[in-house]
Protein backbone atom coordinates (compact mmCIF):
# COMPACT_ATOMS: atom_id res chain seq x y z
CA UNK A 1 97.37 119.68 85.06
CA UNK A 2 95.16 120.63 87.12
CA UNK A 3 92.42 117.39 88.47
CA UNK A 4 88.81 119.22 89.57
CA UNK A 5 87.10 117.10 92.04
CA UNK A 6 83.38 117.53 91.97
CA UNK A 7 79.90 115.76 93.36
CA UNK A 8 80.52 112.80 94.54
CA UNK A 9 84.18 112.88 94.17
CA UNK A 10 84.07 115.17 97.19
CA UNK A 11 82.62 112.82 99.31
CA UNK A 12 84.76 109.92 98.04
CA UNK A 13 88.29 112.08 98.55
CA UNK A 14 87.37 112.73 102.23
CA UNK A 15 86.43 109.40 102.61
CA UNK A 16 89.59 108.01 101.65
CA UNK A 17 91.36 110.61 103.39
CA UNK A 18 89.70 108.99 106.92
CA UNK A 19 90.40 105.46 106.22
CA UNK A 20 94.03 106.53 105.56
CA UNK A 21 94.35 108.35 108.58
CA UNK A 22 92.85 105.31 110.29
CA UNK A 23 95.52 102.86 108.80
CA UNK A 24 97.89 105.58 109.22
CA UNK A 25 96.46 105.56 113.68
CA UNK A 26 96.79 101.98 113.08
CA UNK A 27 100.11 101.73 113.24
CA UNK A 28 100.77 104.04 115.73
CA UNK A 29 100.98 107.59 113.40
CA UNK A 30 99.45 110.28 114.27
CA UNK A 31 98.38 112.56 112.01
CA UNK A 32 96.47 115.22 113.83
CA UNK A 33 96.63 116.68 117.45
CA UNK A 34 93.41 117.32 117.66
CA UNK A 35 90.33 114.34 117.45
CA UNK A 36 91.76 111.13 115.76
CA UNK A 37 89.95 109.89 112.38
CA UNK A 38 88.39 106.79 113.97
CA UNK A 39 86.00 108.98 116.69
CA UNK A 40 85.67 110.83 113.51
CA UNK A 41 84.49 108.50 111.28
CA UNK A 42 82.84 107.12 114.03
CA UNK A 43 80.46 110.03 114.75
CA UNK A 44 80.00 110.84 111.55
CA UNK A 45 78.10 107.55 110.87
CA UNK A 46 77.06 106.82 114.20
CA UNK A 47 79.35 103.45 114.42
CA UNK A 48 80.52 101.29 116.32
CA UNK A 49 83.26 98.64 117.15
CA UNK A 50 86.38 97.97 116.72
CA UNK A 51 89.24 100.46 114.12
CA UNK A 52 89.51 97.35 111.87
CA UNK A 53 85.46 96.80 112.22
CA UNK A 54 85.12 100.58 111.17
CA UNK A 55 88.01 100.65 108.58
CA UNK A 56 86.11 98.01 106.48
CA UNK A 57 82.91 98.93 107.30
CA UNK A 58 84.06 102.48 105.04
CA UNK A 59 85.98 100.40 102.91
CA UNK A 60 82.40 99.10 101.88
CA UNK A 61 80.99 102.69 101.92
CA UNK A 62 83.61 103.42 100.16
CA UNK A 63 83.63 100.87 97.84
CA UNK A 64 79.64 101.49 96.78
CA UNK A 65 80.52 104.72 95.97
CA UNK A 66 80.57 105.54 91.84
CA UNK A 67 83.20 107.27 90.46
CA UNK A 68 80.93 110.14 89.02
CA UNK A 69 80.65 113.70 89.46
């Protein structure tokens, strides 16, 4: 079975990956040798704040996105 993501689903999948990466980084598990997910998210959305605040803001953005393509 093949799943194809289109439109909004691609963006939502990326944000979910960033959210998961930030949660792992908060536990001390690094998934990248380069820039961390928190820095990527802060730069992309131009947000400031603690890791927990950024995670909550990103979760709100993800929840507000429709699941339709």
